[in-house]
C-alpha cells in the first residue's frame, strides 16, 4: 500500500509525500493555490502510479479548499498527467472533472 501524506509548506502552498509500506519515500509533489487555481510546481515519483496518486491527492486537497482549476507546465506532462486528461493543448483542467473522470487521456 502507498500512503500519501500532506505537507503544508507556507501560506497558499503545500505538498504531498508518498511512502511505500516500509515507510520509504517514493515520491513527492509541491503546489501553490489560491481561491480559483492550483499550480503544480514540482512532482516526482518512482513510477507513474505514484505520480498519478500524488497529483490526485494534491488536486483533492485543493478541491476541499474550494479551488476549481489545476494547472501543470508542459515540462511536467507525463503519462500520469496525460491519463488524467492534461495535454500540451490543455495544461489547465477543472479539478472536479479530473477527479471524477475515468478517461485514459483519449479526449472522450
PDB file of N, CA and C in Angstrom:
ATOM      1  N   UNK A   1       0.832  -1.169   0.000  1.00  0.00           N
ATOM      2  CA  UNK A   1       0.000   0.000   0.000  1.00  0.00           C
ATOM      3  C   UNK A   1       0.883   1.240   0.000  1.00  0.00           C
ATOM      4  N   UNK A   2       0.452   2.234  -0.735  1.00  0.00           N
ATOM      5  CA  UNK A   2       1.156   3.508  -0.776  1.00  0.00           C
ATOM      6  C   UNK A   2       0.395   4.497   0.080  1.00  0.00           C
ATOM      7  N   UNK A   3       1.091   5.249   0.888  1.00  0.00           N
ATOM      8  CA  UNK A   3       0.492   6.294   1.712  1.00  0.00           C
ATOM      9  C   UNK A   3       0.905   7.653   1.172  1.00  0.00           C
ATOM     10  N   UNK A   4      -0.064   8.555   1.064  1.00  0.00           N
ATOM     11  CA  UNK A   4       0.174   9.917   0.605  1.00  0.00           C
ATOM     12  C   UNK A   4      -0.116  10.846   1.769  1.00  0.00           C
ATOM     13  N   UNK A   5       0.886  11.588   2.203  1.00  0.00           N
ATOM     14  CA  UNK A   5       0.727  12.470   3.364  1.00  0.00           C
ATOM     15  C   UNK A   5       0.961  13.920   2.963  1.00  0.00           C
ATOM     16  N   UNK A   6       0.029  14.802   3.374  1.00  0.00           N
ATOM     17  CA  UNK A   6       0.175  16.226   3.030  1.00  0.00           C
ATOM     18  C   UNK A   6       1.253  16.897   3.861  1.00  0.00           C
ATOM     19  N   UNK A   7       1.869  17.897   3.261  1.00  0.00           N
ATOM     20  CA  UNK A   7       2.885  18.711   3.928  1.00  0.00           C
ATOM     21  C   UNK A   7       2.548  20.165   3.631  1.00  0.00           C
ATOM     22  N   UNK A   8       2.140  20.917   4.647  1.00  0.00           N
ATOM     23  CA  UNK A   8       1.910  22.346   4.467  1.00  0.00           C
ATOM     24  C   UNK A   8       3.265  23.038   4.521  1.00  0.00           C
ATOM     25  N   UNK A   9       3.589  23.780   3.475  1.00  0.00           N
ATOM     26  CA  UNK A   9       4.909  24.394   3.409  1.00  0.00           C
ATOM     27  C   UNK A   9       4.882  25.889   3.722  1.00  0.00           C
ATOM     28  N   UNK A  10       3.838  26.576   3.322  1.00  0.00           N
ATOM     29  CA  UNK A  10       3.693  28.013   3.562  1.00  0.00           C
ATOM     30  C   UNK A  10       2.260  28.377   3.226  1.00  0.00           C
ATOM     31  N   UNK A  11       1.888  29.604   3.490  1.00  0.00           N
ATOM     32  CA  UNK A  11       0.535  30.021   3.140  1.00  0.00           C
ATOM     33  C   UNK A  11       0.333  29.881   1.638  1.00  0.00           C
ATOM     34  N   UNK A  12      -0.755  29.258   1.263  1.00  0.00           N
ATOM     35  CA  UNK A  12      -1.127  29.035  -0.137  1.00  0.00           C
ATOM     36  C   UNK A  12      -0.157  28.158  -0.903  1.00  0.00           C
ATOM     37  N   UNK A  13       0.601  27.352  -0.217  1.00  0.00           N
ATOM     38  CA  UNK A  13       1.403  26.331  -0.892  1.00  0.00           C
ATOM     39  C   UNK A  13       1.470  25.113   0.017  1.00  0.00           C
ATOM     40  N   UNK A  14       1.591  23.979  -0.603  1.00  0.00           N
ATOM     41  CA  UNK A  14       1.612  22.727   0.153  1.00  0.00           C
ATOM     42  C   UNK A  14       2.265  21.666  -0.713  1.00  0.00           C
ATOM     43  N   UNK A  15       2.258  20.455  -0.237  1.00  0.00           N
ATOM     44  CA  UNK A  15       2.814  19.348  -0.982  1.00  0.00           C
ATOM     45  C   UNK A  15       2.321  18.032  -0.436  1.00  0.00           C
ATOM     46  N   UNK A  16       2.714  16.981  -1.092  1.00  0.00           N
ATOM     47  CA  UNK A  16       2.420  15.620  -0.651  1.00  0.00           C
ATOM     48  C   UNK A  16       3.688  14.805  -0.773  1.00  0.00           C
ATOM     49  N   UNK A  17       3.829  13.856   0.124  1.00  0.00           N
ATOM     50  CA  UNK A  17       4.932  12.902   0.068  1.00  0.00           C
ATOM     51  C   UNK A  17       4.309  11.514   0.026  1.00  0.00           C
ATOM     52  N   UNK A  18       4.828  10.653  -0.837  1.00  0.00           N
ATOM     53  CA  UNK A  18       4.352   9.278  -0.953  1.00  0.00           C
ATOM     54  C   UNK A  18       5.356   8.352  -0.274  1.00  0.00           C
ATOM     55  N   UNK A  19       4.819   7.400   0.492  1.00  0.00           N
ATOM     56  CA  UNK A  19       5.645   6.425   1.197  1.00  0.00           C
ATOM     57  C   UNK A  19       5.186   5.019   0.839  1.00  0.00           C
ATOM     58  N   UNK A  20       6.148   4.094   0.713  1.00  0.00           N
ATOM     59  CA  UNK A  20       5.789   2.697   0.491  1.00  0.00           C
ATOM     60  C   UNK A  20       5.458   2.032   1.829  1.00  0.00           C
ATOM     61  N   UNK A  21       5.150   0.744   1.812  1.00  0.00           N
ATOM     62  CA  UNK A  21       4.749   0.021   3.022  1.00  0.00           C
ATOM     63  C   UNK A  21       5.818   0.035   4.108  1.00  0.00           C
ATOM     64  N   UNK A  22       7.071   0.110   3.699  1.00  0.00           N
ATOM     65  CA  UNK A  22       8.173   0.114   4.664  1.00  0.00           C
ATOM     66  C   UNK A  22       8.470   1.510   5.208  1.00  0.00           C
ATOM     67  N   UNK A  23       7.734   2.522   4.717  1.00  0.00           N
ATOM     68  CA  UNK A  23       7.951   3.885   5.182  1.00  0.00           C
ATOM     69  C   UNK A  23       8.999   4.647   4.403  1.00  0.00           C
ATOM     70  N   UNK A  24       9.452   4.091   3.284  1.00  0.00           N
ATOM     71  CA  UNK A  24      10.439   4.767   2.438  1.00  0.00           C
ATOM     72  C   UNK A  24       9.751   5.775   1.522  1.00  0.00           C
ATOM     73  N   UNK A  25      10.334   6.953   1.390  1.00  0.00           N
ATOM     74  CA  UNK A  25       9.792   7.967   0.490  1.00  0.00           C
ATOM     75  C   UNK A  25       9.982   7.512  -0.945  1.00  0.00           C
ATOM     76  N   UNK A  26       8.871   7.525  -1.714  1.00  0.00           N
ATOM     77  CA  UNK A  26       8.938   7.088  -3.108  1.00  0.00           C
ATOM     78  C   UNK A  26       8.461   8.157  -4.090  1.00  0.00           C
ATOM     79  N   UNK A  27       8.102   9.329  -3.572  1.00  0.00           N
ATOM     80  CA  UNK A  27       7.695  10.413  -4.453  1.00  0.00           C
ATOM     81  C   UNK A  27       7.249  11.614  -3.653  1.00  0.00           C
ATOM     82  N   UNK A  28       7.168  12.748  -4.348  1.00  0.00           N
ATOM     83  CA  UNK A  28       6.682  13.957  -3.689  1.00  0.00           C
ATOM     84  C   UNK A  28       6.243  14.972  -4.734  1.00  0.00           C
ATOM     85  N   UNK A  29       5.395  15.882  -4.285  1.00  0.00           N
ATOM     86  CA  UNK A  29       4.974  16.973  -5.164  1.00  0.00           C
ATOM     87  C   UNK A  29       4.802  18.229  -4.339  1.00  0.00           C
ATOM     88  N   UNK A  30       4.823  19.348  -5.012  1.00  0.00           N
ATOM     89  CA  UNK A  30       4.603  20.651  -4.391  1.00  0.00           C
ATOM     90  C   UNK A  30       3.685  21.443  -5.306  1.00  0.00           C
ATOM     91  N   UNK A  31       2.888  22.321  -4.699  1.00  0.00           N
ATOM     92  CA  UNK A  31       1.953  23.114  -5.479  1.00  0.00           C
ATOM     93  C   UNK A  31       1.601  24.378  -4.720  1.00  0.00           C
ATOM     94  N   UNK A  32       1.127  25.357  -5.466  1.00  0.00           N
ATOM     95  CA  UNK A  32       0.596  26.587  -4.896  1.00  0.00           C
ATOM     96  C   UNK A  32      -0.889  26.639  -5.237  1.00  0.00           C
ATOM     97  N   UNK A  33      -1.643  27.417  -4.487  1.00  0.00           N
ATOM     98  CA  UNK A  33      -3.061  27.530  -4.776  1.00  0.00           C
ATOM     99  C   UNK A  33      -3.611  28.858  -4.279  1.00  0.00           C
ATOM    100  N   UNK A  34      -4.701  29.272  -4.912  1.00  0.00           N
ATOM    101  CA  UNK A  34      -5.460  30.435  -4.459  1.00  0.00           C
ATOM    102  C   UNK A  34      -6.932  30.068  -4.519  1.00  0.00           C
ATOM    103  N   UNK A  35      -7.811  31.022  -4.475  1.00  0.00           N
ATOM    104  CA  UNK A  35      -9.236  30.707  -4.414  1.00  0.00           C
ATOM    105  C   UNK A  35      -9.775  30.080  -5.694  1.00  0.00           C
ATOM    106  N   UNK A  36      -9.078  30.174  -6.798  1.00  0.00           N
ATOM    107  CA  UNK A  36      -9.563  29.634  -8.068  1.00  0.00           C
ATOM    108  C   UNK A  36      -8.707  28.499  -8.613  1.00  0.00           C
ATOM    109  N   UNK A  37      -7.379  28.620  -8.495  1.00  0.00           N
ATOM    110  CA  UNK A  37      -6.494  27.729  -9.243  1.00  0.00           C
ATOM    111  C   UNK A  37      -5.344  27.208  -8.390  1.00  0.00           C
ATOM    112  N   UNK A  38      -4.967  25.963  -8.662  1.00  0.00           N
ATOM    113  CA  UNK A  38      -3.751  25.395  -8.101  1.00  0.00           C
ATOM    114  C   UNK A  38      -2.758  25.196  -9.239  1.00  0.00           C
ATOM    115  N   UNK A  39      -1.475  25.308  -8.924  1.00  0.00           N
ATOM    116  CA  UNK A  39      -0.424  25.084  -9.919  1.00  0.00           C
ATOM    117  C   UNK A  39       0.608  24.139  -9.330  1.00  0.00           C
ATOM    118  N   UNK A  40       0.861  23.062 -10.042  1.00  0.00           N
ATOM    119  CA  UNK A  40       1.918  22.148  -9.634  1.00  0.00           C
ATOM    120  C   UNK A  40       3.255  22.832  -9.878  1.00  0.00           C
ATOM    121  N   UNK A  41       4.126  22.827  -8.885  1.00  0.00           N
ATOM    122  CA  UNK A  41       5.452  23.416  -9.052  1.00  0.00           C
ATOM    123  C   UNK A  41       6.521  22.338  -9.216  1.00  0.00           C
ATOM    124  N   UNK A  42       6.260  21.153  -8.676  1.00  0.00           N
ATOM    125  CA  UNK A  42       7.153  20.016  -8.894  1.00  0.00           C
ATOM    126  C   UNK A  42       6.412  18.729  -8.573  1.00  0.00           C
ATOM    127  N   UNK A  43       6.835  17.656  -9.224  1.00  0.00           N
ATOM    128  CA  UNK A  43       6.264  16.340  -8.935  1.00  0.00           C
ATOM    129  C   UNK A  43       7.239  15.283  -9.423  1.00  0.00           C
ATOM    130  N   UNK A  44       7.440  14.257  -8.602  1.00  0.00           N
ATOM    131  CA  UNK A  44       8.315  13.153  -8.991  1.00  0.00           C
ATOM    132  C   UNK A  44       7.900  11.913  -8.224  1.00  0.00           C
ATOM    133  N   UNK A  45       8.152  10.776  -8.814  1.00  0.00           N
ATOM    134  CA  UNK A  45       7.843   9.516  -8.162  1.00  0.00           C
ATOM    135  C   UNK A  45       8.605   8.387  -8.817  1.00  0.00           C
ATOM    136  N   UNK A  46       8.660   7.256  -8.126  1.00  0.00           N
ATOM    137  CA  UNK A  46       9.446   6.148  -8.671  1.00  0.00           C
ATOM    138  C   UNK A  46       8.707   5.402  -9.783  1.00  0.00           C
ATOM    139  N   UNK A  47       7.406   5.715 -10.003  1.00  0.00           N
ATOM    140  CA  UNK A  47       6.685   5.191 -11.161  1.00  0.00           C
ATOM    141  C   UNK A  47       5.460   6.075 -11.426  1.00  0.00           C
ATOM    142  N   UNK A  48       4.800   5.827 -12.536  1.00  0.00           N
ATOM    143  CA  UNK A  48       3.685   6.687 -12.937  1.00  0.00           C
ATOM    144  C   UNK A  48       2.471   6.547 -12.019  1.00  0.00           C
ATOM    145  N   UNK A  49       2.295   5.395 -11.392  1.00  0.00           N
ATOM    146  CA  UNK A  49       1.181   5.235 -10.445  1.00  0.00           C
ATOM    147  C   UNK A  49       1.366   6.144  -9.238  1.00  0.00           C
ATOM    148  N   UNK A  50       2.593   6.284  -8.780  1.00  0.00           N
ATOM    149  CA  UNK A  50       2.885   7.180  -7.659  1.00  0.00           C
ATOM    150  C   UNK A  50       2.646   8.623  -8.076  1.00  0.00           C
ATOM    151  N   UNK A  51       3.090   8.998  -9.261  1.00  0.00           N
ATOM    152  CA  UNK A  51       2.885  10.365  -9.757  1.00  0.00           C
ATOM    153  C   UNK A  51       1.394  10.653  -9.875  1.00  0.00           C
ATOM    154  N   UNK A  52       0.628   9.712 -10.408  1.00  0.00           N
ATOM    155  CA  UNK A  52      -0.814   9.913 -10.522  1.00  0.00           C
ATOM    156  C   UNK A  52      -1.453  10.047  -9.137  1.00  0.00           C
ATOM    157  N   UNK A  53      -1.057   9.218  -8.192  1.00  0.00           N
ATOM    158  CA  UNK A  53      -1.592   9.303  -6.840  1.00  0.00           C
ATOM    159  C   UNK A  53      -1.273  10.628  -6.172  1.00  0.00           C
ATOM    160  N   UNK A  54      -0.063  11.107  -6.368  1.00  0.00           N
ATOM    161  CA  UNK A  54       0.319  12.410  -5.820  1.00  0.00           C
ATOM    162  C   UNK A  54      -0.513  13.524  -6.446  1.00  0.00           C
ATOM    163  N   UNK A  55      -0.678  13.467  -7.757  1.00  0.00           N
ATOM    164  CA  UNK A  55      -1.456  14.500  -8.456  1.00  0.00           C
ATOM    165  C   UNK A  55      -2.905  14.491  -7.979  1.00  0.00           C
ATOM    166  N   UNK A  56      -3.495  13.308  -7.881  1.00  0.00           N
ATOM    167  CA  UNK A  56      -4.874  13.213  -7.416  1.00  0.00           C
ATOM    168  C   UNK A  56      -5.001  13.700  -5.972  1.00  0.00           C
ATOM    169  N   UNK A  57      -4.062  13.336  -5.122  1.00  0.00           N
ATOM    170  CA  UNK A  57      -4.089  13.782  -3.725  1.00  0.00           C
ATOM    171  C   UNK A  57      -4.011  15.299  -3.638  1.00  0.00           C
ATOM    172  N   UNK A  58      -3.112  15.882  -4.422  1.00  0.00           N
ATOM    173  CA  UNK A  58      -2.939  17.336  -4.412  1.00  0.00           C
ATOM    174  C   UNK A  58      -4.196  18.044  -4.908  1.00  0.00           C
ATOM    175  N   UNK A  59      -4.784  17.525  -5.981  1.00  0.00           N
ATOM    176  CA  UNK A  59      -5.997  18.162  -6.501  1.00  0.00           C
ATOM    177  C   UNK A  59      -7.156  18.019  -5.515  1.00  0.00           C
ATOM    178  N   UNK A  60      -7.265  16.881  -4.849  1.00  0.00           N
ATOM    179  CA  UNK A  60      -8.311  16.697  -3.848  1.00  0.00           C
ATOM    180  C   UNK A  60      -8.114  17.654  -2.674  1.00  0.00           C
ATOM    181  N   UNK A  61      -6.865  17.817  -2.242  1.00  0.00           N
ATOM    182  CA  UNK A  61      -6.529  18.765  -1.170  1.00  0.00           C
ATOM    183  C   UNK A  61      -7.050  20.152  -1.528  1.00  0.00           C
ATOM    184  N   UNK A  62      -6.777  20.566  -2.756  1.00  0.00           N
ATOM    185  CA  UNK A  62      -7.195  21.900  -3.200  1.00  0.00           C
ATOM    186  C   UNK A  62      -8.708  21.978  -3.387  1.00  0.00           C
ATOM    187  N   UNK A  63      -9.303  20.937  -3.931  1.00  0.00           N
ATOM    188  CA  UNK A  63     -10.757  20.929  -4.119  1.00  0.00           C
ATOM    189  C   UNK A  63     -11.461  21.083  -2.774  1.00  0.00           C
ATOM    190  N   UNK A  64     -10.918  20.479  -1.737  1.00  0.00           N
ATOM    191  CA  UNK A  64     -11.507  20.601  -0.399  1.00  0.00           C
ATOM    192  C   UNK A  64     -11.388  22.012   0.153  1.00  0.00           C
ATOM    193  N   UNK A  65     -10.609  22.865  -0.482  1.00  0.00           N
ATOM    194  CA  UNK A  65     -10.452  24.258  -0.090  1.00  0.00           C
ATOM    195  C   UNK A  65     -11.125  25.193  -1.091  1.00  0.00           C
ATOM    196  N   UNK A  66     -11.971  24.634  -1.955  1.00  0.00           N
ATOM    197  CA  UNK A  66     -12.744  25.435  -2.892  1.00  0.00           C
ATOM    198  C   UNK A  66     -12.041  25.781  -4.191  1.00  0.00           C
ATOM    199  N   UNK A  67     -10.878  25.225  -4.432  1.00  0.00           N
ATOM    200  CA  UNK A  67     -10.132  25.502  -5.657  1.00  0.00           C
ATOM    201  C   UNK A  67     -10.754  24.702  -6.799  1.00  0.00           C
ATOM    202  N   UNK A  68     -10.871  25.312  -7.961  1.00  0.00           N
ATOM    203  CA  UNK A  68     -11.608  24.715  -9.074  1.00  0.00           C
ATOM    204  C   UNK A  68     -10.726  24.250 -10.242  1.00  0.00           C
ATOM    205  N   UNK A  69      -9.600  24.899 -10.474  1.00  0.00           N
ATOM    206  CA  UNK A  69      -8.754  24.594 -11.634  1.00  0.00           C
ATOM    207  C   UNK A  69      -7.381  24.083 -11.211  1.00  0.00           C
ATOM    208  N   UNK A  70      -6.830  23.187 -12.013  1.00  0.00           N
ATOM    209  CA  UNK A  70      -5.470  22.682 -11.792  1.00  0.00           C
ATOM    210  C   UNK A  70      -4.651  22.947 -13.052  1.00  0.00           C
ATOM    211  N   UNK A  71      -3.418  23.407 -12.857  1.00  0.00           N
ATOM    212  CA  UNK A  71      -2.530  23.715 -13.979  1.00  0.00           C
ATOM    213  C   UNK A  71      -1.197  23.018 -13.802  1.00  0.00           C
ATOM    214  N   UNK A  72      -0.691  22.472 -14.898  1.00  0.00           N
ATOM    215  CA  UNK A  72       0.655  21.905 -14.937  1.00  0.00           C
ATOM    216  C   UNK A  72       1.435  22.638 -16.017  1.00  0.00           C
ATOM    217  N   UNK A  73       2.745  22.559 -15.966  1.00  0.00           N
ATOM    218  CA  UNK A  73       3.565  23.117 -17.033  1.00  0.00           C
ATOM    219  C   UNK A  73       3.782  22.034 -18.084  1.00  0.00           C
ATOM    220  N   UNK A  74       4.119  22.446 -19.275  1.00  0.00           N
ATOM    221  CA  UNK A  74       4.365  21.480 -20.346  1.00  0.00           C
ATOM    222  C   UNK A  74       5.477  20.510 -19.969  1.00  0.00           C
ATOM    223  N   UNK A  75       6.461  20.986 -19.211  1.00  0.00           N
ATOM    224  CA  UNK A  75       7.563  20.123 -18.795  1.00  0.00           C
ATOM    225  C   UNK A  75       7.159  19.037 -17.808  1.00  0.00           C
ATOM    226  N   UNK A  76       6.003  19.183 -17.168  1.00  0.00           N
ATOM    227  CA  UNK A  76       5.523  18.188 -16.213  1.00  0.00           C
ATOM    228  C   UNK A  76       4.648  17.119 -16.862  1.00  0.00           C
ATOM    229  N   UNK A  77       4.262  17.325 -18.107  1.00  0.00           N
ATOM    230  CA  UNK A  77       3.399  16.336 -18.754  1.00  0.00           C
ATOM    231  C   UNK A  77       4.099  14.986 -18.768  1.00  0.00           C
ATOM    232  N   UNK A  78       3.444  14.021 -18.204  1.00  0.00           N
ATOM    233  CA  UNK A  78       3.956  12.664 -18.125  1.00  0.00           C
ATOM    234  C   UNK A  78       2.780  11.746 -18.420  1.00  0.00           C
ATOM    235  N   UNK A  79       3.023  10.458 -18.594  1.00  0.00           N
ATOM    236  CA  UNK A  79       1.889   9.552 -18.811  1.00  0.00           C
ATOM    237  C   UNK A  79       0.812   9.669 -17.734  1.00  0.00           C
ATOM    238  N   UNK A  80       1.206   9.936 -16.493  1.00  0.00           N
ATOM    239  CA  UNK A  80       0.214  10.069 -15.413  1.00  0.00           C
ATOM    240  C   UNK A  80      -0.685  11.273 -15.653  1.00  0.00           C
ATOM    241  N   UNK A  81      -0.123  12.421 -15.995  1.00  0.00           N
ATOM    242  CA  UNK A  81      -0.942  13.607 -16.244  1.00  0.00           C
ATOM    243  C   UNK A  81      -1.763  13.458 -17.523  1.00  0.00           C
ATOM    244  N   UNK A  82      -1.207  12.809 -18.520  1.00  0.00           N
ATOM    245  CA  UNK A  82      -1.957  12.569 -19.757  1.00  0.00           C
ATOM    246  C   UNK A  82      -3.148  11.653 -19.466  1.00  0.00           C
ATOM    247  N   UNK A  83      -2.938  10.646 -18.634  1.00  0.00           N
ATOM    248  CA  UNK A  83      -4.033   9.757 -18.229  1.00  0.00           C
ATOM    249  C   UNK A  83      -5.144  10.540 -17.528  1.00  0.00           C
ATOM    250  N   UNK A  84      -4.774  11.585 -16.804  1.00  0.00           N
ATOM    251  CA  UNK A  84      -5.747  12.423 -16.108  1.00  0.00           C
ATOM    252  C   UNK A  84      -6.414  13.441 -17.033  1.00  0.00           C
ATOM    253  N   UNK A  85      -6.004  13.474 -18.302  1.00  0.00           N
ATOM    254  CA  UNK A  85      -6.649  14.343 -19.274  1.00  0.00           C
ATOM    255  C   UNK A  85      -5.900  15.613 -19.620  1.00  0.00           C
ATOM    256  N   UNK A  86      -4.741  15.839 -19.016  1.00  0.00           N
ATOM    257  CA  UNK A  86      -3.937  17.011 -19.367  1.00  0.00           C
ATOM    258  C   UNK A  86      -3.244  16.730 -20.700  1.00  0.00           C
ATOM    259  N   UNK A  87      -2.956  17.780 -21.444  1.00  0.00           N
ATOM    260  CA  UNK A  87      -2.237  17.633 -22.715  1.00  0.00           C
ATOM    261  C   UNK A  87      -1.506  18.928 -23.008  1.00  0.00           C
ATOM    262  N   UNK A  88      -0.691  18.913 -24.042  1.00  0.00           N
ATOM    263  CA  UNK A  88       0.035  20.122 -24.438  1.00  0.00           C
ATOM    264  C   UNK A  88      -0.946  21.227 -24.817  1.00  0.00           C
ATOM    265  N   UNK A  89      -2.123  20.844 -25.304  1.00  0.00           N
ATOM    266  CA  UNK A  89      -3.151  21.817 -25.677  1.00  0.00           C
ATOM    267  C   UNK A  89      -4.043  22.198 -24.503  1.00  0.00           C
ATOM    268  N   UNK A  90      -4.000  21.417 -23.436  1.00  0.00           N
ATOM    269  CA  UNK A  90      -4.871  21.658 -22.290  1.00  0.00           C
ATOM    270  C   UNK A  90      -4.073  21.449 -20.997  1.00  0.00           C
ATOM    271  N   UNK A  91      -3.311  22.487 -20.615  1.00  0.00           N
ATOM    272  CA  UNK A  91      -2.485  22.417 -19.412  1.00  0.00           C
ATOM    273  C   UNK A  91      -3.276  22.774 -18.153  1.00  0.00           C
ATOM    274  N   UNK A  92      -4.470  23.313 -18.318  1.00  0.00           N
ATOM    275  CA  UNK A  92      -5.349  23.630 -17.195  1.00  0.00           C
ATOM    276  C   UNK A  92      -6.631  22.829 -17.336  1.00  0.00           C
ATOM    277  N   UNK A  93      -7.022  22.159 -16.258  1.00  0.00           N
ATOM    278  CA  UNK A  93      -8.239  21.340 -16.261  1.00  0.00           C
ATOM    279  C   UNK A  93      -9.075  21.665 -15.036  1.00  0.00           C
ATOM    280  N   UNK A  94     -10.357  21.386 -15.115  1.00  0.00           N
ATOM    281  CA  UNK A  94     -11.257  21.536 -13.979  1.00  0.00           C
ATOM    282  C   UNK A  94     -11.049  20.350 -13.037  1.00  0.00           C
ATOM    283  N   UNK A  95     -10.762  20.638 -11.778  1.00  0.00           N
ATOM    284  CA  UNK A  95     -10.459  19.580 -10.813  1.00  0.00           C
ATOM    285  C   UNK A  95     -11.598  18.572 -10.679  1.00  0.00           C
ATOM    286  N   UNK A  96     -12.862  19.002 -10.537  1.00  0.00           N
ATOM    287  CA  UNK A  96     -13.924  18.003 -10.410  1.00  0.00           C
ATOM    288  C   UNK A  96     -13.979  17.045 -11.602  1.00  0.00           C
ATOM    289  N   UNK A  97     -13.744  17.568 -12.791  1.00  0.00           N
ATOM    290  CA  UNK A  97     -13.752  16.732 -13.988  1.00  0.00           C
ATOM    291  C   UNK A  97     -12.618  15.724 -13.959  1.00  0.00           C
ATOM    292  N   UNK A  98     -11.439  16.158 -13.556  1.00  0.00           N
ATOM    293  CA  UNK A  98     -10.286  15.266 -13.500  1.00  0.00           C
ATOM    294  C   UNK A  98     -10.501  14.163 -12.463  1.00  0.00           C
ATOM    295  N   UNK A  99     -10.991  14.542 -11.298  1.00  0.00           N
ATOM    296  CA  UNK A  99     -11.119  13.570 -10.215  1.00  0.00           C
ATOM    297  C   UNK A  99     -12.264  12.596 -10.420  1.00  0.00           C
ATOM    298  N   UNK A 100     -13.259  12.935 -11.211  1.00  0.00           N
ATOM    299  CA  UNK A 100     -14.374  12.023 -11.437  1.00  0.00           C
ATOM    300  C   UNK A 100     -14.280  11.302 -12.762  1.00  0.00           C
ATOM    301  N   UNK A 101     -13.325  11.657 -13.580  1.00  0.00           N
ATOM    302  CA  UNK A 101     -13.181  11.061 -14.906  1.00  0.00           C
ATOM    303  C   UNK A 101     -12.527   9.700 -14.819  1.00  0.00           C
ATOM    304  N   UNK A 102     -12.941   8.817 -15.703  1.00  0.00           N
ATOM    305  CA  UNK A 102     -12.271   7.538 -15.860  1.00  0.00           C
ATOM    306  C   UNK A 102     -11.498   7.527 -17.166  1.00  0.00           C
ATOM    307  N   UNK A 103     -11.336   8.702 -17.730  1.00  0.00           N
ATOM    308  CA  UNK A 103     -10.700   8.843 -19.042  1.00  0.00           C
ATOM    309  C   UNK A 103      -9.237   8.434 -18.992  1.00  0.00           C
ATOM    310  N   UNK A 104      -8.802   7.889 -20.086  1.00  0.00           N
ATOM    311  CA  UNK A 104      -7.412   7.468 -20.215  1.00  0.00           C
ATOM    312  C   UNK A 104      -6.585   8.519 -20.925  1.00  0.00           C
ATOM    313  N   UNK A 105      -7.126   9.724 -21.094  1.00  0.00           N
ATOM    314  CA  UNK A 105      -6.412  10.780 -21.801  1.00  0.00           C
ATOM    315  C   UNK A 105      -6.719  10.793 -23.272  1.00  0.00           C
ATOM    316  N   UNK A 106      -7.727  10.026 -23.691  1.00  0.00           N
ATOM    317  CA  UNK A 106      -8.048   9.942 -25.115  1.00  0.00           C
ATOM    318  C   UNK A 106      -8.898  11.104 -25.595  1.00  0.00           C
ATOM    319  N   UNK A 107      -9.361  11.945 -24.651  1.00  0.00           N
ATOM    320  CA  UNK A 107     -10.147  13.098 -25.017  1.00  0.00           C
ATOM    321  C   UNK A 107     -11.646  12.852 -24.986  1.00  0.00           C
ATOM    322  N   UNK A 108     -12.071  11.648 -24.656  1.00  0.00           N
ATOM    323  CA  UNK A 108     -13.519  11.371 -24.618  1.00  0.00           C
ATOM    324  C   UNK A 108     -14.057  11.443 -23.207  1.00  0.00           C
TER     325      UNK A 108
END
